[in-house]
Amino acid sequence: MRILAAMSGGVDSAVAAARAVDAGHDVVGVHLALSRAGGTLRTGSRGCCTIEDAMDARRASDLLGIPFYVWDFSERFRDDVIDDFIAEYQAGRTPNPCMRCNEKIKFAALLERAIELGFDAVCTGHYATLIDGEQGLELHRAADNAKDQSYVLGVLTAEQLAHTYFPLGTTPSKAVVRAEAAERGLTVAQKPDSHDICFIPDGDTRGWLAEKVGTATGEIVDRAGSVVGSHEGAHAFTVGQRRGLKLGVPAADGKPRFVLEVRPVSNTVVVGPKEALAIGEISGERFSWAGAAPTADEFACEVQIRAHAEPVPATAYVSTDGVRVVPDQPLDGVAPGQTAVLYISTRVLGQFTIDRTVSAVPAAV
């Protein structure tokens, strides 16, 4: 096959490309330039897609003896990921930019261009596996549960899965990948994994958002509507947050309070006890299936709401209005804007963006 290897500059994508070469494929490496700030530098494990990453990707490609290119996707990344991130926060939701990047950039924009240029598939260093099932190709968890990335790939469609290649999915651990990279002479063998949001490398999301959308004083209220503090912009808060609230009125029971809801229209933040973060139902209108769609409108599954969260047994209900999920036990601190990925055993069924949550705890708590 003709394979386009997405080279992030990290160890995973480098080893994935190397394995594609070993498998006898015709491989071309490409690094995506996602920032217009060409001199952006990496700080330890913070940030990605920097100038150092591009240089690391080129060195790996040279060692593997494959052609290498840098493609400028910065405008598409700004429109589909950064602007979406800002808009979601302004709407009082908690977005996942990595999901949007996989959906809109790596497996939409990149894959579209790859197919136009005659490539059969895009190869990435994601830890996930593809299995031929009775109804077609299926996306499954990786062999190494600690590194499994099937959650962030839940946005992929059947058509996209047909043109993807995940050489690392059956690898038992990241340590094996690093050891292989060292043996191959790849300089990224011990390079730290990137963390946090790539376009906010210093990790100060609140400060970054304040620069983009400004500040506006608003009220922090409890579940009864009583004012207990103030803030400089509701967009800086997310459901489940405890730190940085600076409440002027302590809780009657003396216990910490957490953000339960963000109301962007009134610029209000609602806080309450930790127990009130328990969610008994989630639903969303924007959904997709990773392969064949479920044949039943109601089915048992597992739901996962964060990349490294434990999956929770649940019942899903599908209609023309969207997907509704009722977990067997309450979910903790779910926020509108997050992505819920549905599984049956190791298989990814699909995903939806959470629009609505229903508390498992009465408002009187």
Protein backbone atom coordinates (compact mmCIF):
# COMPACT_ATOMS: atom_id res chain seq x y z
CA MET A 1 0.00 0.00 0.00
CA ARG A 2 0.97 3.63 -0.39
CA ILE A 3 1.08 4.94 3.16
CA LEU A 4 1.20 8.56 4.31
CA ALA A 5 2.80 8.52 7.78
CA ALA A 6 1.75 11.42 9.99
CA MET A 7 5.01 12.32 11.77
CA SER A 8 4.37 14.39 14.89
CA GLY A 9 8.02 14.37 15.92
CA GLY A 10 7.38 11.97 18.78
CA VAL A 11 8.52 8.42 19.39
CA ASP A 12 5.17 6.75 18.65
CA SER A 13 4.70 8.16 15.15
CA ALA A 14 8.37 7.50 14.32
CA VAL A 15 8.13 3.82 15.28
CA ALA A 16 4.76 3.50 13.53
CA ALA A 17 6.32 4.80 10.32
CA ALA A 18 9.29 2.44 10.75
CA ARG A 19 6.97 -0.54 11.10
CA ALA A 20 5.09 0.53 7.98
CA VAL A 21 8.39 0.56 6.09
CA ASP A 22 9.32 -2.87 7.51
CA ALA A 23 5.94 -4.21 6.34
CA GLY A 24 6.94 -3.38 2.77
CA HIS A 25 4.66 -0.40 2.23
CA ASP A 26 5.56 2.61 0.11
CA VAL A 27 5.81 5.21 2.90
CA VAL A 28 6.00 9.00 2.79
CA GLY A 29 6.37 11.06 5.96
CA VAL A 30 4.49 14.30 6.58
CA HIS A 31 4.55 16.72 9.50
CA LEU A 32 1.60 19.03 10.03
CA ALA A 33 2.43 22.66 10.76
CA LEU A 34 -0.53 23.70 12.89
CA SER A 35 0.74 27.05 14.18
CA ARG A 36 1.49 30.22 12.22
CA ALA A 37 4.12 31.00 14.90
CA GLY A 38 6.89 29.15 13.08
CA GLY A 39 9.45 29.76 15.81
CA THR A 40 7.34 28.19 18.54
CA LEU A 41 9.55 26.17 20.87
CA ARG A 42 8.74 23.13 22.93
CA THR A 43 9.02 23.24 26.74
CA GLY A 44 9.65 19.73 28.06
CA SER A 45 6.43 17.76 27.74
CA ARG A 46 4.35 20.88 27.06
CA GLY A 47 3.28 21.69 23.54
CA CYS A 48 3.54 19.82 20.27
CA CYS A 49 3.81 20.61 16.56
CA THR A 50 6.70 22.98 17.37
CA ILE A 51 9.80 23.68 15.28
CA GLU A 52 11.70 21.08 17.33
CA ASP A 53 9.01 18.52 16.60
CA ALA A 54 9.26 19.21 12.87
CA MET A 55 13.03 18.76 13.03
CA ASP A 56 12.68 15.50 14.99
CA ALA A 57 10.17 14.22 12.41
CA ARG A 58 12.57 15.06 9.57
CA ARG A 59 15.49 13.29 11.29
CA ALA A 60 13.37 10.18 11.80
CA SER A 61 12.25 10.20 8.16
CA ASP A 62 15.85 10.60 6.98
CA LEU A 63 16.94 7.65 9.11
CA LEU A 64 14.12 5.53 7.67
CA GLY A 65 15.01 6.61 4.16
CA ILE A 66 11.54 7.90 3.29
CA PRO A 67 10.52 11.20 1.63
CA PHE A 68 9.45 13.89 4.08
CA TYR A 69 7.22 16.95 3.72
CA VAL A 70 5.76 19.64 5.96
CA TRP A 71 2.16 20.59 5.20
CA ASP A 72 0.71 23.86 6.47
CA PHE A 73 -2.65 23.11 8.05
CA SER A 74 -2.53 26.09 10.41
CA GLU A 75 -5.54 27.87 8.92
CA ARG A 76 -7.71 24.75 9.05
CA PHE A 77 -6.48 24.06 12.61
CA ARG A 78 -7.35 27.59 13.69
CA ASP A 79 -10.85 27.40 12.20
CA ASP A 80 -11.78 23.86 13.21
CA VAL A 81 -9.97 23.43 16.52
CA ILE A 82 -8.91 26.72 18.14
CA ASP A 83 -11.97 28.78 17.16
CA ASP A 84 -14.22 25.84 18.08
CA PHE A 85 -12.49 25.61 21.48
CA ILE A 86 -13.13 29.30 22.16
CA ALA A 87 -16.75 29.14 20.97
CA GLU A 88 -17.49 26.09 23.12
CA TYR A 89 -16.15 27.77 26.26
CA GLN A 90 -18.12 30.91 25.47
CA ALA A 91 -21.24 28.71 25.24
CA GLY A 92 -20.55 27.28 28.71
CA ARG A 93 -19.33 23.90 27.47
CA THR A 94 -16.07 22.01 28.05
CA PRO A 95 -14.56 21.05 24.69
CA ASN A 96 -11.95 18.39 23.94
CA PRO A 97 -9.58 19.88 21.33
CA CYS A 98 -7.78 16.56 20.80
CA MET A 99 -11.06 14.99 19.64
CA ARG A 100 -11.68 17.89 17.26
CA CYS A 101 -8.13 17.67 15.94
CA ASN A 102 -8.50 13.96 15.19
CA GLU A 103 -11.92 14.50 13.66
CA LYS A 104 -11.25 17.63 11.61
CA ILE A 105 -7.51 17.60 10.93
CA LYS A 106 -5.77 14.21 11.10
CA PHE A 107 -8.63 12.07 9.81
CA ALA A 108 -10.49 14.60 7.69
CA ALA A 109 -8.25 17.27 6.17
CA LEU A 110 -5.10 15.09 6.13
CA LEU A 111 -6.89 11.95 4.99
CA GLU A 112 -8.78 13.83 2.27
CA ARG A 113 -5.54 15.21 0.84
CA ALA A 114 -3.83 11.83 1.14
CA ILE A 115 -6.56 10.12 -0.89
CA GLU A 116 -6.48 12.92 -3.48
CA LEU A 117 -2.74 12.27 -3.88
CA GLY A 118 -3.26 8.55 -4.38
CA PHE A 119 -2.37 7.22 -0.92
CA ASP A 120 -4.27 4.20 0.39
CA ALA A 121 -4.09 5.02 4.09
CA VAL A 122 -2.79 7.39 6.75
CA CYS A 123 -0.51 5.85 9.37
CA THR A 124 -0.37 7.30 12.90
CA GLY A 125 1.20 6.35 16.20
CA HIS A 126 -2.13 5.98 18.01
CA TYR A 127 -2.57 3.00 20.30
CA ALA A 128 -5.69 1.31 18.93
CA THR A 129 -6.47 -1.72 16.78
CA LEU A 130 -8.58 -2.42 13.72
CA ILE A 131 -10.35 -5.78 13.36
CA ASP A 132 -12.33 -7.20 10.45
CA GLY A 133 -15.75 -8.01 11.92
CA GLU A 134 -18.85 -9.63 10.52
CA GLN A 135 -20.26 -6.23 9.52
CA GLY A 136 -16.99 -4.67 8.39
CA LEU A 137 -13.99 -2.98 9.95
CA GLU A 138 -14.18 -2.38 13.70
CA LEU A 139 -12.18 -0.06 15.96
CA HIS A 140 -10.98 -1.69 19.20
CA ARG A 141 -8.93 -0.81 22.25
CA ALA A 142 -5.16 -1.28 22.18
CA ALA A 143 -3.42 -4.24 23.78
CA ASP A 144 -1.85 -1.89 26.36
CA ASN A 145 -4.79 -0.56 28.34
CA ALA A 146 -2.60 2.08 30.00
CA LYS A 147 -1.81 3.63 26.60
CA ASP A 148 -5.12 2.91 24.87
CA GLN A 149 -6.20 5.87 22.70
CA SER A 150 -9.37 4.45 21.21
CA TYR A 151 -11.38 7.09 23.10
CA VAL A 152 -9.92 10.00 21.10
CA LEU A 153 -10.45 8.00 17.90
CA GLY A 154 -14.14 7.44 18.60
CA VAL A 155 -14.99 10.25 16.16
CA LEU A 156 -13.77 8.23 13.17
CA THR A 157 -16.33 6.98 10.67
CA ALA A 158 -16.41 3.68 8.79
CA GLU A 159 -15.05 5.37 5.66
CA GLN A 160 -12.16 6.90 7.60
CA LEU A 161 -11.34 3.62 9.35
CA ALA A 162 -11.01 1.99 5.93
CA HIS A 163 -8.08 4.31 5.21
CA THR A 164 -6.22 4.22 8.53
CA TYR A 165 -3.26 2.19 9.73
CA PHE A 166 -2.33 1.77 13.43
CA PRO A 167 0.91 -0.27 13.67
CA LEU A 168 1.23 0.19 17.46
CA GLY A 169 -2.15 -1.20 18.50
CA THR A 170 -0.95 -4.69 19.45
CA THR A 171 2.22 -3.50 21.21
CA PRO A 172 2.16 -4.61 24.87
CA SER A 173 3.59 -1.38 26.33
CA LYS A 174 5.10 2.03 25.60
CA ALA A 175 8.38 0.74 27.03
CA VAL A 176 8.58 -1.71 24.12
CA VAL A 177 8.11 1.15 21.65
CA ARG A 178 10.85 3.22 23.29
CA ALA A 179 13.21 0.25 23.33
CA GLU A 180 12.51 -0.38 19.64
CA ALA A 181 13.13 3.28 18.83
CA ALA A 182 16.48 3.16 20.63
CA GLU A 183 17.46 -0.02 18.81
CA ARG A 184 16.61 1.62 15.48
CA GLY A 185 18.75 4.63 16.36
CA LEU A 186 15.85 7.08 16.49
CA THR A 187 16.84 10.16 18.50
CA VAL A 188 13.30 10.52 19.88
CA ALA A 189 13.51 7.23 21.81
CA GLN A 190 13.34 8.97 25.20
CA LYS A 191 11.51 12.13 24.16
CA PRO A 192 8.80 13.04 26.71
CA ASP A 193 5.17 12.59 25.72
CA SER A 194 3.31 15.83 25.12
CA HIS A 195 0.64 16.87 27.60
CA ASP A 196 -1.92 19.62 27.98
CA ILE A 197 -3.45 21.56 25.10
CA CYS A 198 -0.90 21.99 22.31
CA PHE A 199 -1.88 25.57 21.51
CA ILE A 200 -1.72 26.55 25.21
CA PRO A 201 1.76 25.18 26.03
CA ASP A 202 2.08 27.01 29.36
CA GLY A 203 -1.08 25.29 30.62
CA ASP A 204 -2.80 28.55 31.63
CA THR A 205 -6.15 27.97 29.94
CA ARG A 206 -7.91 30.64 32.01
CA GLY A 207 -5.35 33.31 31.09
CA TRP A 208 -5.36 32.27 27.43
CA LEU A 209 -9.14 32.50 27.23
CA ALA A 210 -9.15 35.87 28.99
CA GLU A 211 -6.85 37.22 26.26
CA LYS A 212 -9.10 35.85 23.53
CA VAL A 213 -12.56 36.77 24.84
CA GLY A 214 -11.88 39.37 27.53
CA THR A 215 -13.18 39.53 31.09
CA ALA A 216 -16.59 40.41 32.51
CA THR A 217 -17.52 40.38 36.19
CA GLY A 218 -20.29 37.95 37.10
CA GLU A 219 -21.82 36.15 40.07
CA ILE A 220 -21.06 32.78 41.61
CA VAL A 221 -24.23 31.34 43.15
CA ASP A 222 -25.18 28.21 45.07
CA ARG A 223 -27.92 25.79 44.00
CA ALA A 224 -30.54 27.92 45.76
CA GLY A 225 -29.46 31.01 43.80
CA SER A 226 -27.73 32.81 46.69
CA VAL A 227 -24.66 34.81 45.69
CA VAL A 228 -21.51 33.35 47.28
CA GLY A 229 -18.78 35.02 45.22
CA SER A 230 -17.83 36.75 41.99
CA HIS A 231 -15.64 36.05 38.97
CA GLU A 232 -14.17 37.81 35.91
CA GLY A 233 -15.63 35.58 33.22
CA ALA A 234 -17.74 32.41 33.25
CA HIS A 235 -15.73 31.04 30.31
CA ALA A 236 -12.82 30.42 32.69
CA PHE A 237 -14.71 27.76 34.65
CA THR A 238 -15.57 24.16 33.95
CA VAL A 239 -17.84 21.65 35.65
CA GLY A 240 -16.07 19.82 38.48
CA GLN A 241 -13.60 22.63 39.14
CA ARG A 242 -12.70 23.28 42.77
CA ARG A 243 -9.58 25.44 42.71
CA GLY A 244 -9.62 29.15 42.03
CA LEU A 245 -13.23 29.81 43.03
CA LYS A 246 -12.36 32.35 45.77
CA LEU A 247 -15.78 32.14 47.38
CA GLY A 248 -16.65 34.89 49.86
CA VAL A 249 -19.39 32.92 51.63
CA PRO A 250 -18.40 29.54 53.10
CA ALA A 251 -20.72 26.54 52.81
CA ALA A 252 -22.97 25.89 55.80
CA ASP A 253 -21.37 22.47 56.34
CA GLY A 254 -17.86 23.82 55.83
CA LYS A 255 -17.15 21.42 52.95
CA PRO A 256 -15.54 22.43 49.65
CA ARG A 257 -17.77 23.45 46.78
CA PHE A 258 -17.37 22.62 43.12
CA VAL A 259 -18.57 24.11 39.86
CA LEU A 260 -21.84 22.42 38.93
CA GLU A 261 -22.95 24.55 35.99
CA VAL A 262 -21.76 27.41 33.79
CA ARG A 263 -24.41 29.80 32.44
CA PRO A 264 -22.80 31.94 29.71
CA VAL A 265 -25.87 34.03 28.86
CA SER A 266 -26.12 35.43 32.40
CA ASN A 267 -22.35 35.07 33.02
CA THR A 268 -23.14 33.04 36.13
CA VAL A 269 -21.33 30.10 37.72
CA VAL A 270 -23.26 27.66 39.93
CA VAL A 271 -21.43 25.83 42.72
CA GLY A 272 -22.41 23.13 45.16
CA PRO A 273 -21.30 20.02 47.07
CA LYS A 274 -19.25 17.28 45.48
CA GLU A 275 -22.20 14.87 45.68
CA ALA A 276 -24.12 17.10 43.26
CA LEU A 277 -21.57 16.33 40.53
CA ALA A 278 -23.08 12.85 40.22
CA ILE A 279 -24.82 12.57 36.83
CA GLY A 280 -27.58 10.02 36.20
CA GLU A 281 -28.17 10.65 32.48
CA ILE A 282 -26.41 12.24 29.51
CA SER A 283 -27.56 12.93 25.97
CA GLY A 284 -26.45 14.61 22.77
CA GLU A 285 -27.61 15.35 19.23
CA ARG A 286 -24.22 15.23 17.47
CA PHE A 287 -23.18 11.59 17.13
CA SER A 288 -21.37 9.22 14.79
CA TRP A 289 -20.66 5.49 14.54
CA ALA A 290 -17.17 4.00 14.24
CA GLY A 291 -18.10 1.31 11.72
CA ALA A 292 -21.47 -0.41 11.43
CA ALA A 293 -24.25 1.35 13.36
CA PRO A 294 -26.09 -0.53 16.13
CA THR A 295 -29.08 -2.47 14.85
CA ALA A 296 -31.19 -1.84 17.97
CA ASP A 297 -32.55 1.45 19.31
CA GLU A 298 -31.79 0.34 22.87
CA PHE A 299 -28.75 -1.67 23.90
CA ALA A 300 -26.37 -2.36 26.77
CA CYS A 301 -22.89 -0.89 26.47
CA GLU A 302 -20.16 0.88 28.40
CA VAL A 303 -19.72 4.64 28.34
CA GLN A 304 -16.44 6.51 28.77
CA ILE A 305 -16.44 10.29 29.22
CA ARG A 306 -12.72 11.08 29.38
CA ALA A 307 -9.62 9.72 27.68
CA HIS A 308 -8.40 7.93 30.80
CA ALA A 309 -11.66 7.44 32.68
CA GLU A 310 -12.95 4.01 33.62
CA PRO A 311 -15.76 2.81 31.34
CA VAL A 312 -19.11 2.52 33.12
CA PRO A 313 -21.84 -0.04 32.23
CA ALA A 314 -24.87 1.73 30.79
CA THR A 315 -27.92 1.53 28.56
CA ALA A 316 -27.98 3.59 25.38
CA TYR A 317 -31.11 4.81 23.59
CA VAL A 318 -30.80 5.95 19.97
CA SER A 319 -33.36 8.02 18.08
CA THR A 320 -33.49 10.58 15.30
CA ASP A 321 -32.99 13.22 18.00
CA GLY A 322 -29.66 11.80 19.11
CA VAL A 323 -28.26 9.45 21.75
CA ARG A 324 -29.29 9.21 25.40
CA VAL A 325 -27.27 7.17 27.90
CA VAL A 326 -28.29 6.07 31.40
CA PRO A 327 -25.30 4.67 33.33
CA ASP A 328 -25.74 1.84 35.84
CA GLN A 329 -24.00 4.06 38.37
CA PRO A 330 -23.71 7.87 38.35
CA LEU A 331 -20.98 9.50 36.32
CA ASP A 332 -18.78 12.01 38.12
CA GLY A 333 -18.46 15.63 37.04
CA VAL A 334 -19.69 15.44 33.47
CA ALA A 335 -19.84 18.70 31.54
CA PRO A 336 -21.73 19.61 28.37
CA GLY A 337 -19.23 19.73 25.52
CA GLN A 338 -17.38 16.60 26.62
CA THR A 339 -17.40 13.54 24.39
CA ALA A 340 -19.05 10.29 25.44
CA VAL A 341 -17.63 7.23 23.68
CA LEU A 342 -19.65 4.01 23.66
CA TYR A 343 -18.05 0.57 23.82
CA ILE A 344 -19.14 -3.05 23.74
CA SER A 345 -16.26 -4.95 25.32
CA THR A 346 -13.15 -3.62 23.52
CA ARG A 347 -15.01 -2.37 20.47
CA VAL A 348 -15.72 1.33 19.94
CA LEU A 349 -19.31 1.72 18.77
CA GLY A 350 -19.28 5.47 18.34
CA GLN A 351 -19.50 8.77 20.15
CA PHE A 352 -21.59 11.83 20.83
CA THR A 353 -20.99 15.31 22.17
CA ILE A 354 -22.79 15.75 25.48
CA ASP A 355 -25.42 18.50 25.22
CA ARG A 356 -27.44 17.76 28.34
CA THR A 357 -26.83 16.18 31.73
CA VAL A 358 -29.29 15.18 34.42
CA SER A 359 -28.14 15.22 38.04
CA ALA A 360 -28.51 12.05 40.08
CA VAL A 361 -28.87 14.17 43.24
CA PRO A 362 -31.93 16.30 44.12
CA ALA A 363 -31.36 20.06 44.18
CA ALA A 364 -32.08 20.14 47.92
CA VAL A 365 -28.68 18.52 48.63
